[in-house]
Amino acid sequence: MSTQFKRRKFLIYSFATIGSSIFIKACANNSPTATNSPAASGNASPVAATTGDTIKVGILHSLSGTMSISEKSVVDAEKLAIKEINAAGGVLGKQIQPIVEDGASNWDTFREKATKLIDQDKVAVVFGCWTSASRKNVKPVFESKNHMLWYPVQYEGQECSKNIFYTGAAPNQQIEPSVEWLLKNKGKEFFLVGSDYVFPRTANTIIKAQLEALSGKTVGEDYLPLGNTEVTPIITKIKQALPNGGVIYNTLNGDSNVAFFKQLKGAGMTPEKYPSMSVSIAEEEVKAIGVEYLKGHYAAWNYFQTVDTPANKKFVAAFKKEYGENRVTNDPMEAAYIAVYLWKQAVEKAGTTDIAKVSAAAYGQTIDAPEGKVTMDTNHHISKIVRIGQVRQDGLFDIVYATPAPVEPVPWNQFVKETKGFACDWSNPAKGGKYKQA
């Protein structure tokens, strides 16, 4: 059953001072109807090559390397949206032509491929990235060239770029609600484990302060280099720090999760005694890792394949028809799928692929998405329902908690001293990506 609590309670957390360096450590057949969006100003931007009968768009994800376990399926979702849109007449009377590039789980490669898509292929937009490391590596490219990236994966916040639209969750739409749910339902002692890059470290910084404010306790914290599978030392540390059991908050990404959950079970650390909450494991990863290793554990997302909405039933049926009945859908895939539709609506409202005009037209766009109704805010993030799921025998998730309504996005964390009181509003040039609220 879903439990109820007020999301505004999150705003009472008192956060400790956090060094700003943590946020820059580098080392997802009917077109929905657009809504009116407020006017916004922007600098002149290039109109992508739309000669002939096509509009080129870039798709940039890891098709090889450690992150391919997660990113390949996101590409499939983006291609499905493009196929549906083309079948319905395309955009501005033109067909969308996707150009797919492999970031290869290498952040320098992401930057090189983003540059190629913009400069050589002359794409109108890029849909891409998964990790925050890849996003932060391409962010300067999109900003310097005044181009547009749609980013589909939950992330650590502390960012609001003029040139990026974020369709995954901000921390107040995933991490913070899941921590409070765990405290109420699973225990007060947490061990934090993550991959060693910006998202896990920033997320865990927020979690530690939240636990302190709510009388929880961080008993340990450890990281693995992305792609590293030497998890035995971490398993040992967890058992030592939580001899009687406790919560494991997991921000590992990629192949590290395979080794981690296999060894967790091998050590006899079951979800009854050591429940884990993951924020980068969804249906696709459960299938790849093995349900026998994940059954009973939890994940926090905004979408699960088991969401019971007409729009989701249609999405799941279309995806399985395209790629096979054995395929599953997940949160980053859904966020990537709706990103293509939101961009389409913005282009049609703008009547052009001009970047500045499309950006302005994106504000206020809404979709009856598979996850529920979403609306694009002027801070370039969307409102989203928060959900917590538990892995069941068939590899899907039973939804054990959901907010009654979409939660509005908060890019700049209101619990962190350096960003408390700041907001983002790209519809107002006097405010932009970071301004102090009155």
Protein backbone atom coordinates (compact mmCIF):
# COMPACT_ATOMS: atom_id res chain seq x y z
CA MET A 1 0.00 0.00 0.00
CA SER A 2 0.99 3.58 -0.53
CA THR A 3 1.73 5.60 2.55
CA GLN A 4 1.03 9.31 2.69
CA PHE A 5 3.20 12.13 3.86
CA LYS A 6 3.53 15.78 2.95
CA ARG A 7 6.40 16.58 0.67
CA ARG A 8 6.73 20.02 2.22
CA LYS A 9 8.16 18.32 5.30
CA PHE A 10 11.37 17.95 3.36
CA LEU A 11 11.86 21.68 3.55
CA ILE A 12 12.40 21.58 7.30
CA TYR A 13 15.67 19.73 7.10
CA SER A 14 18.61 21.63 8.52
CA PHE A 15 21.70 21.01 6.45
CA ALA A 16 25.29 21.32 7.52
CA THR A 17 27.81 23.46 5.63
CA ILE A 18 29.14 21.60 2.61
CA GLY A 19 32.22 22.56 0.63
CA SER A 20 31.32 23.66 -2.85
CA SER A 21 34.04 21.45 -4.30
CA ILE A 22 31.81 18.41 -3.83
CA PHE A 23 29.52 19.61 -6.59
CA ILE A 24 32.22 19.77 -9.24
CA LYS A 25 33.92 16.45 -8.55
CA ALA A 26 34.03 14.64 -11.83
CA CYS A 27 36.68 12.41 -11.01
CA ALA A 28 17.65 8.52 -19.70
CA ASN A 29 0.53 7.20 -31.51
CA ASN A 30 -1.10 10.32 -30.50
CA SER A 31 1.02 13.28 -29.95
CA PRO A 32 0.10 14.99 -26.67
CA THR A 33 -1.34 18.46 -26.85
CA ALA A 34 0.84 21.46 -26.10
CA THR A 35 -0.16 24.12 -23.59
CA ASN A 36 0.50 27.81 -23.74
CA SER A 37 3.92 28.78 -22.47
CA PRO A 38 5.16 32.16 -21.23
CA ALA A 39 7.34 34.30 -23.42
CA ALA A 40 11.06 34.15 -22.80
CA SER A 41 13.96 36.02 -24.20
CA GLY A 42 17.14 34.44 -25.48
CA ASN A 43 20.13 35.27 -27.56
CA ALA A 44 20.03 34.55 -31.25
CA SER A 45 20.70 30.90 -31.94
CA PRO A 46 21.43 28.88 -35.04
CA VAL A 47 18.68 27.14 -36.95
CA ALA A 48 19.74 23.55 -37.55
CA ALA A 49 19.89 22.18 -41.05
CA THR A 50 16.33 21.24 -41.98
CA THR A 51 16.68 21.21 -45.72
CA GLY A 52 14.65 18.71 -47.67
CA ASP A 53 12.16 16.54 -45.85
CA THR A 54 14.09 15.79 -42.66
CA ILE A 55 15.14 17.32 -39.35
CA LYS A 56 18.30 15.77 -37.94
CA VAL A 57 18.45 15.02 -34.20
CA GLY A 58 21.33 13.58 -32.20
CA ILE A 59 21.15 10.59 -29.84
CA LEU A 60 24.21 10.32 -27.60
CA HIS A 61 24.44 7.46 -25.09
CA SER A 62 26.84 4.67 -24.13
CA LEU A 63 26.32 1.71 -26.44
CA SER A 64 29.53 0.10 -25.13
CA GLY A 65 31.45 0.06 -21.86
CA THR A 66 30.23 -0.20 -18.28
CA MET A 67 27.20 2.08 -18.74
CA SER A 68 25.83 0.27 -21.78
CA ILE A 69 23.87 -2.00 -19.39
CA SER A 70 21.63 0.99 -18.73
CA GLU A 71 21.93 3.29 -21.74
CA LYS A 72 21.17 0.97 -24.67
CA SER A 73 17.53 0.73 -23.66
CA VAL A 74 17.25 4.53 -23.43
CA VAL A 75 18.28 4.74 -27.08
CA ASP A 76 15.51 2.26 -27.91
CA ALA A 77 12.93 4.45 -26.17
CA GLU A 78 14.08 7.57 -28.00
CA LYS A 79 13.96 5.74 -31.34
CA LEU A 80 10.43 4.53 -30.55
CA ALA A 81 9.24 8.09 -29.90
CA ILE A 82 10.83 9.25 -33.15
CA LYS A 83 9.22 6.40 -35.10
CA GLU A 84 5.79 7.23 -33.64
CA ILE A 85 6.16 10.92 -34.41
CA ASN A 86 7.29 10.22 -37.96
CA ALA A 87 4.34 7.86 -38.50
CA ALA A 88 2.00 10.62 -37.35
CA GLY A 89 3.40 13.13 -39.85
CA GLY A 90 6.67 14.20 -38.30
CA VAL A 91 7.53 17.69 -37.05
CA LEU A 92 6.65 20.79 -39.07
CA GLY A 93 5.81 18.45 -41.91
CA LYS A 94 9.29 16.91 -41.89
CA GLN A 95 10.52 13.49 -40.80
CA ILE A 96 12.94 13.22 -37.87
CA GLN A 97 16.27 11.65 -38.82
CA PRO A 98 18.14 10.31 -35.75
CA ILE A 99 21.93 10.25 -35.79
CA VAL A 100 23.16 7.88 -33.07
CA GLU A 101 26.58 8.21 -31.48
CA ASP A 102 28.26 6.00 -28.85
CA GLY A 103 29.66 7.81 -25.81
CA ALA A 104 31.37 4.50 -24.95
CA SER A 105 31.17 5.16 -21.17
CA ASN A 106 34.02 7.63 -21.64
CA TRP A 107 33.43 11.25 -20.71
CA ASP A 108 35.94 12.67 -23.20
CA THR A 109 34.26 10.66 -25.95
CA PHE A 110 30.91 12.15 -24.97
CA ARG A 111 32.35 15.63 -25.44
CA GLU A 112 33.86 14.73 -28.82
CA LYS A 113 30.63 13.16 -30.07
CA ALA A 114 28.54 16.10 -28.88
CA THR A 115 30.81 18.45 -30.82
CA LYS A 116 30.50 16.27 -33.93
CA LEU A 117 26.72 16.15 -33.76
CA ILE A 118 26.49 19.93 -33.51
CA ASP A 119 29.27 21.04 -35.88
CA GLN A 120 29.31 18.31 -38.51
CA ASP A 121 25.85 16.77 -38.47
CA LYS A 122 24.05 20.07 -37.80
CA VAL A 123 21.43 18.42 -35.59
CA ALA A 124 18.52 20.44 -34.25
CA VAL A 125 18.79 18.93 -30.76
CA VAL A 126 20.61 16.18 -28.86
CA PHE A 127 18.96 13.64 -26.58
CA GLY A 128 21.65 12.10 -24.43
CA CYS A 129 23.85 11.17 -21.48
CA TRP A 130 23.19 9.12 -18.34
CA THR A 131 25.87 9.83 -15.75
CA SER A 132 26.42 13.30 -14.38
CA ALA A 133 30.06 12.96 -15.39
CA SER A 134 29.06 12.65 -19.04
CA ARG A 135 26.54 15.49 -18.75
CA LYS A 136 29.05 17.82 -17.10
CA ASN A 137 31.58 17.03 -19.82
CA VAL A 138 29.20 17.98 -22.63
CA LYS A 139 27.58 20.91 -20.83
CA PRO A 140 30.31 23.42 -21.86
CA VAL A 141 29.94 22.29 -25.47
CA PHE A 142 26.21 23.00 -25.56
CA GLU A 143 26.62 26.29 -23.72
CA SER A 144 29.51 27.60 -25.84
CA LYS A 145 27.70 26.68 -29.05
CA ASN A 146 24.29 27.79 -27.73
CA HIS A 147 22.78 24.42 -28.58
CA MET A 148 20.25 22.15 -26.84
CA LEU A 149 20.54 18.90 -24.82
CA TRP A 150 17.62 16.95 -23.35
CA TYR A 151 18.87 14.88 -20.39
CA PRO A 152 16.63 11.98 -19.24
CA VAL A 153 18.10 10.67 -15.97
CA GLN A 154 17.64 11.53 -12.29
CA TYR A 155 20.61 13.49 -10.98
CA GLU A 156 22.13 15.38 -8.05
CA GLY A 157 20.75 18.84 -8.85
CA GLN A 158 22.91 21.90 -8.20
CA GLU A 159 22.69 22.84 -11.87
CA CYS A 160 20.35 24.79 -14.12
CA SER A 161 21.77 25.28 -17.59
CA LYS A 162 20.17 27.47 -20.22
CA ASN A 163 21.03 24.82 -22.79
CA ILE A 164 19.86 21.67 -20.99
CA PHE A 165 16.33 20.42 -20.35
CA TYR A 166 16.14 17.83 -17.56
CA THR A 167 13.35 15.23 -17.73
CA GLY A 168 14.69 13.04 -14.91
CA ALA A 169 14.24 13.75 -11.20
CA ALA A 170 15.90 16.45 -9.13
CA PRO A 171 16.88 15.30 -5.59
CA ASN A 172 13.63 16.57 -4.07
CA GLN A 173 11.77 14.31 -6.51
CA GLN A 174 13.64 11.08 -5.67
CA ILE A 175 16.43 11.01 -3.08
CA GLU A 176 14.93 13.07 -0.26
CA PRO A 177 11.49 11.35 -0.26
CA SER A 178 13.12 7.90 -0.32
CA VAL A 179 15.29 8.70 2.70
CA GLU A 180 12.28 9.81 4.73
CA TRP A 181 10.37 6.69 3.69
CA LEU A 182 13.26 4.47 4.79
CA LEU A 183 13.51 6.22 8.15
CA LYS A 184 9.82 5.65 8.77
CA ASN A 185 9.71 2.07 7.54
CA LYS A 186 13.14 0.40 7.55
CA GLY A 187 15.44 1.81 10.21
CA LYS A 188 17.63 4.68 11.36
CA GLU A 189 21.12 3.40 10.51
CA PHE A 190 22.37 3.85 6.94
CA PHE A 191 25.47 2.70 5.08
CA LEU A 192 26.06 4.71 1.88
CA VAL A 193 27.72 3.05 -1.11
CA GLY A 194 28.22 4.63 -4.52
CA SER A 195 30.29 5.00 -7.65
CA ASP A 196 33.09 7.52 -7.37
CA TYR A 197 31.85 10.50 -9.37
CA VAL A 198 29.76 13.62 -8.90
CA PHE A 199 26.23 12.22 -8.56
CA PRO A 200 26.81 9.62 -5.81
CA ARG A 201 29.07 11.90 -3.78
CA THR A 202 26.69 14.85 -3.94
CA ALA A 203 23.66 12.64 -3.27
CA ASN A 204 25.34 11.12 -0.23
CA THR A 205 26.30 14.54 1.09
CA ILE A 206 22.62 15.50 0.99
CA ILE A 207 21.58 12.19 2.58
CA LYS A 208 24.05 12.54 5.47
CA ALA A 209 22.75 15.99 6.34
CA GLN A 210 19.16 14.80 6.04
CA LEU A 211 19.79 11.84 8.34
CA GLU A 212 21.40 14.09 10.91
CA ALA A 213 18.41 16.43 10.84
CA LEU A 214 15.93 13.57 11.25
CA SER A 215 17.74 11.62 13.97
CA GLY A 216 19.07 9.03 11.58
CA LYS A 217 22.68 7.90 11.50
CA THR A 218 25.27 7.40 8.79
CA VAL A 219 27.36 4.43 9.96
CA GLY A 220 29.58 4.20 6.90
CA GLU A 221 30.27 5.50 3.40
CA ASP A 222 32.35 4.00 0.60
CA TYR A 223 32.87 4.37 -3.15
CA LEU A 224 34.03 2.33 -6.14
CA PRO A 225 35.52 3.70 -9.35
CA LEU A 226 32.88 3.50 -12.07
CA GLY A 227 33.00 0.01 -13.59
CA ASN A 228 35.00 -1.49 -10.70
CA THR A 229 33.66 -4.84 -9.48
CA GLU A 230 35.93 -5.36 -6.44
CA VAL A 231 33.08 -5.10 -3.96
CA THR A 232 34.26 -7.54 -1.28
CA PRO A 233 35.89 -4.82 0.88
CA ILE A 234 32.65 -2.80 0.86
CA ILE A 235 30.55 -5.83 1.80
CA THR A 236 32.91 -6.46 4.71
CA LYS A 237 32.64 -2.84 5.86
CA ILE A 238 28.84 -2.95 5.74
CA LYS A 239 28.71 -6.09 7.88
CA GLN A 240 31.11 -4.54 10.39
CA ALA A 241 29.20 -1.24 10.55
CA LEU A 242 25.76 -2.89 10.65
CA PRO A 243 26.25 -6.18 12.51
CA ASN A 244 22.56 -6.34 13.38
CA GLY A 245 21.32 -5.17 10.00
CA GLY A 246 20.35 -1.76 8.63
CA VAL A 247 19.69 0.26 5.50
CA ILE A 248 22.02 0.28 2.50
CA TYR A 249 21.57 3.35 0.31
CA ASN A 250 22.96 2.47 -3.10
CA THR A 251 24.16 4.96 -5.71
CA LEU A 252 26.35 2.54 -7.64
CA ASN A 253 26.02 2.73 -11.43
CA GLY A 254 26.74 0.31 -14.26
CA ASP A 255 28.34 -3.11 -13.93
CA SER A 256 29.38 -2.53 -10.31
CA ASN A 257 25.80 -3.31 -9.30
CA VAL A 258 26.03 -6.84 -10.73
CA ALA A 259 28.94 -7.76 -8.50
CA PHE A 260 27.56 -5.88 -5.50
CA PHE A 261 24.18 -7.60 -5.32
CA LYS A 262 25.55 -11.04 -6.11
CA GLN A 263 28.08 -10.77 -3.29
CA LEU A 264 25.52 -9.20 -0.97
CA LYS A 265 23.35 -12.29 -1.31
CA GLY A 266 26.40 -14.55 -1.14
CA ALA A 267 27.26 -13.02 2.22
CA GLY A 268 23.79 -13.88 3.52
CA MET A 269 22.76 -10.20 3.70
CA THR A 270 19.08 -10.49 2.75
CA PRO A 271 16.70 -7.55 2.18
CA GLU A 272 14.78 -8.50 5.32
CA LYS A 273 17.82 -7.57 7.43
CA TYR A 274 19.76 -5.36 4.99
CA PRO A 275 17.18 -3.60 2.79
CA SER A 276 18.79 -1.52 0.04
CA MET A 277 17.38 1.54 -1.71
CA SER A 278 18.79 2.10 -5.20
CA VAL A 279 18.39 5.14 -7.40
CA SER A 280 20.08 3.80 -10.54
CA ILE A 281 18.61 0.29 -10.69
CA ALA A 282 15.38 -0.14 -12.62
CA GLU A 283 13.63 -2.94 -14.50
CA GLU A 284 16.34 -3.27 -17.15
CA GLU A 285 19.10 -3.60 -14.54
CA VAL A 286 17.07 -6.10 -12.48
CA LYS A 287 16.79 -8.27 -15.57
CA ALA A 288 20.52 -7.99 -16.30
CA ILE A 289 21.67 -8.60 -12.70
CA GLY A 290 19.18 -11.37 -11.94
CA VAL A 291 15.94 -11.10 -9.98
CA GLU A 292 17.18 -13.75 -7.54
CA TYR A 293 19.74 -11.23 -6.26
CA LEU A 294 17.38 -8.24 -6.07
CA LYS A 295 14.00 -9.60 -4.99
CA GLY A 296 12.80 -7.72 -1.92
CA HIS A 297 15.11 -4.74 -2.36
CA TYR A 298 13.84 -1.22 -3.18
CA ALA A 299 14.29 1.50 -5.76
CA ALA A 300 13.14 5.11 -5.88
CA TRP A 301 11.97 6.48 -9.22
CA ASN A 302 9.12 8.45 -10.75
CA TYR A 303 8.07 5.70 -13.15
CA PHE A 304 7.85 1.91 -13.03
CA GLN A 305 6.52 -0.41 -15.71
CA THR A 306 3.74 -1.34 -13.28
CA VAL A 307 2.31 2.22 -13.13
CA ASP A 308 -1.41 1.80 -13.79
CA THR A 309 -2.32 4.56 -16.25
CA PRO A 310 -3.81 4.34 -19.77
CA ALA A 311 -0.80 6.23 -21.14
CA ASN A 312 1.60 3.72 -19.58
CA LYS A 313 -0.32 0.70 -20.88
CA LYS A 314 -0.07 2.21 -24.35
CA PHE A 315 3.66 2.94 -23.92
CA VAL A 316 4.51 -0.53 -22.64
CA ALA A 317 2.48 -2.22 -25.39
CA ALA A 318 4.15 -0.10 -28.08
CA PHE A 319 7.63 -0.77 -26.72
CA LYS A 320 7.09 -4.52 -26.51
CA LYS A 321 5.58 -4.59 -30.00
CA GLU A 322 8.67 -2.79 -31.34
CA TYR A 323 11.38 -4.66 -29.41
CA GLY A 324 9.88 -7.93 -28.16
CA GLU A 325 7.61 -9.20 -25.39
CA ASN A 326 10.58 -10.04 -23.18
CA ARG A 327 11.71 -6.40 -23.01
CA VAL A 328 10.90 -4.15 -20.07
CA THR A 329 10.48 -0.41 -19.65
CA ASN A 330 11.97 1.77 -16.90
CA ASP A 331 12.23 5.33 -15.59
CA PRO A 332 15.12 6.71 -17.70
CA MET A 333 13.57 5.13 -20.80
CA GLU A 334 10.23 6.79 -20.08
CA ALA A 335 11.90 10.13 -19.33
CA ALA A 336 13.81 9.88 -22.62
CA TYR A 337 10.65 8.94 -24.52
CA ILE A 338 8.68 11.93 -23.25
CA ALA A 339 11.65 14.25 -23.84
CA VAL A 340 11.31 13.65 -27.57
CA TYR A 341 7.61 14.48 -27.42
CA LEU A 342 8.14 17.60 -25.31
CA TRP A 343 10.77 18.82 -27.79
CA LYS A 344 8.39 18.10 -30.70
CA GLN A 345 5.65 20.13 -29.06
CA ALA A 346 8.02 23.03 -28.42
CA VAL A 347 9.24 23.02 -32.04
CA GLU A 348 5.68 23.03 -33.34
CA LYS A 349 4.71 25.88 -31.02
CA ALA A 350 7.81 27.85 -32.07
CA GLY A 351 7.28 27.02 -35.74
CA THR A 352 11.02 26.59 -36.15
CA THR A 353 14.03 24.63 -34.88
CA ASP A 354 15.74 27.83 -33.76
CA ILE A 355 17.22 26.95 -30.35
CA ALA A 356 16.19 30.10 -28.47
CA LYS A 357 12.65 30.02 -29.82
CA VAL A 358 12.24 26.32 -29.09
CA SER A 359 13.55 26.84 -25.54
CA ALA A 360 11.01 29.60 -24.91
CA ALA A 361 8.23 27.48 -26.36
CA ALA A 362 9.13 24.55 -24.11
CA TYR A 363 8.04 26.39 -20.94
CA GLY A 364 4.65 25.18 -19.80
CA GLN A 365 4.54 22.23 -22.18
CA THR A 366 2.62 19.37 -20.62
CA ILE A 367 2.14 15.71 -21.47
CA ASP A 368 -0.11 12.99 -20.17
CA ALA A 369 3.01 10.85 -19.78
CA PRO A 370 3.18 7.15 -18.84
CA GLU A 371 4.29 8.25 -15.35
CA GLY A 372 1.39 10.73 -15.07
CA LYS A 373 0.97 14.35 -16.06
CA VAL A 374 4.26 16.26 -16.34
CA THR A 375 4.82 19.96 -17.01
CA MET A 376 8.01 21.72 -18.06
CA ASP A 377 8.97 24.50 -15.64
CA THR A 378 10.89 27.65 -16.55
CA ASN A 379 13.78 26.15 -14.56
CA HIS A 380 14.11 23.52 -17.34
CA HIS A 381 12.94 20.64 -15.09
CA ILE A 382 9.57 18.90 -14.99
CA SER A 383 7.07 18.16 -12.23
CA LYS A 384 6.98 14.46 -11.36
CA ILE A 385 5.20 12.00 -9.07
CA VAL A 386 7.61 10.30 -6.63
CA ARG A 387 7.37 6.51 -6.35
CA ILE A 388 9.13 3.78 -4.37
CA GLY A 389 9.04 0.21 -5.64
CA GLN A 390 10.04 -3.19 -4.28
CA VAL A 391 11.47 -5.85 -6.61
CA ARG A 392 9.13 -8.80 -6.97
CA GLN A 393 9.54 -12.33 -8.34
CA ASP A 394 8.92 -11.42 -11.99
CA GLY A 395 11.57 -8.67 -11.92
CA LEU A 396 9.07 -5.83 -11.96
CA PHE A 397 8.28 -3.54 -9.02
CA ASP A 398 5.38 -3.41 -6.60
CA ILE A 399 4.78 0.29 -5.95
CA VAL A 400 4.77 0.68 -2.16
CA TYR A 401 4.65 4.48 -2.05
CA ALA A 402 3.57 7.29 -4.37
CA THR A 403 2.96 10.99 -3.84
CA PRO A 404 -0.67 11.97 -4.47
CA ALA A 405 0.35 14.67 -6.98
CA PRO A 406 3.38 15.69 -9.06
CA VAL A 407 6.20 17.26 -7.05
CA GLU A 408 7.59 20.52 -8.43
CA PRO A 409 11.33 20.45 -9.24
CA VAL A 410 13.92 22.24 -7.09
CA PRO A 411 17.26 22.31 -8.97
CA TRP A 412 19.21 24.35 -6.39
CA ASN A 413 19.18 22.43 -3.12
CA GLN A 414 17.45 24.30 -0.34
CA PHE A 415 19.21 22.29 2.36
CA VAL A 416 22.75 23.13 1.34
CA LYS A 417 24.23 26.37 2.69
CA GLU A 418 25.80 27.47 -0.60
CA THR A 419 22.57 27.15 -2.57
CA LYS A 420 19.84 27.67 0.03
CA GLY A 421 17.50 30.42 -1.12
CA PHE A 422 18.52 30.22 -4.78
CA ALA A 423 16.24 29.38 -7.70
CA CYS A 424 16.33 29.28 -11.51
CA ASP A 425 14.06 30.94 -14.06
CA TRP A 426 15.19 31.08 -17.67
CA SER A 427 12.00 32.85 -18.77
CA ASN A 428 13.33 35.98 -17.05
CA PRO A 429 16.78 37.15 -18.23
CA ALA A 430 17.22 39.10 -15.00
CA LYS A 431 17.03 35.83 -13.05
CA GLY A 432 18.45 33.14 -15.32
CA GLY A 433 20.12 30.00 -14.02
CA LYS A 434 20.69 31.10 -10.43
CA TYR A 435 19.16 33.96 -8.52
CA LYS A 436 18.49 34.71 -4.86
CA GLN A 437 14.82 34.52 -3.98
CA ALA A 438 13.34 37.36 -1.98
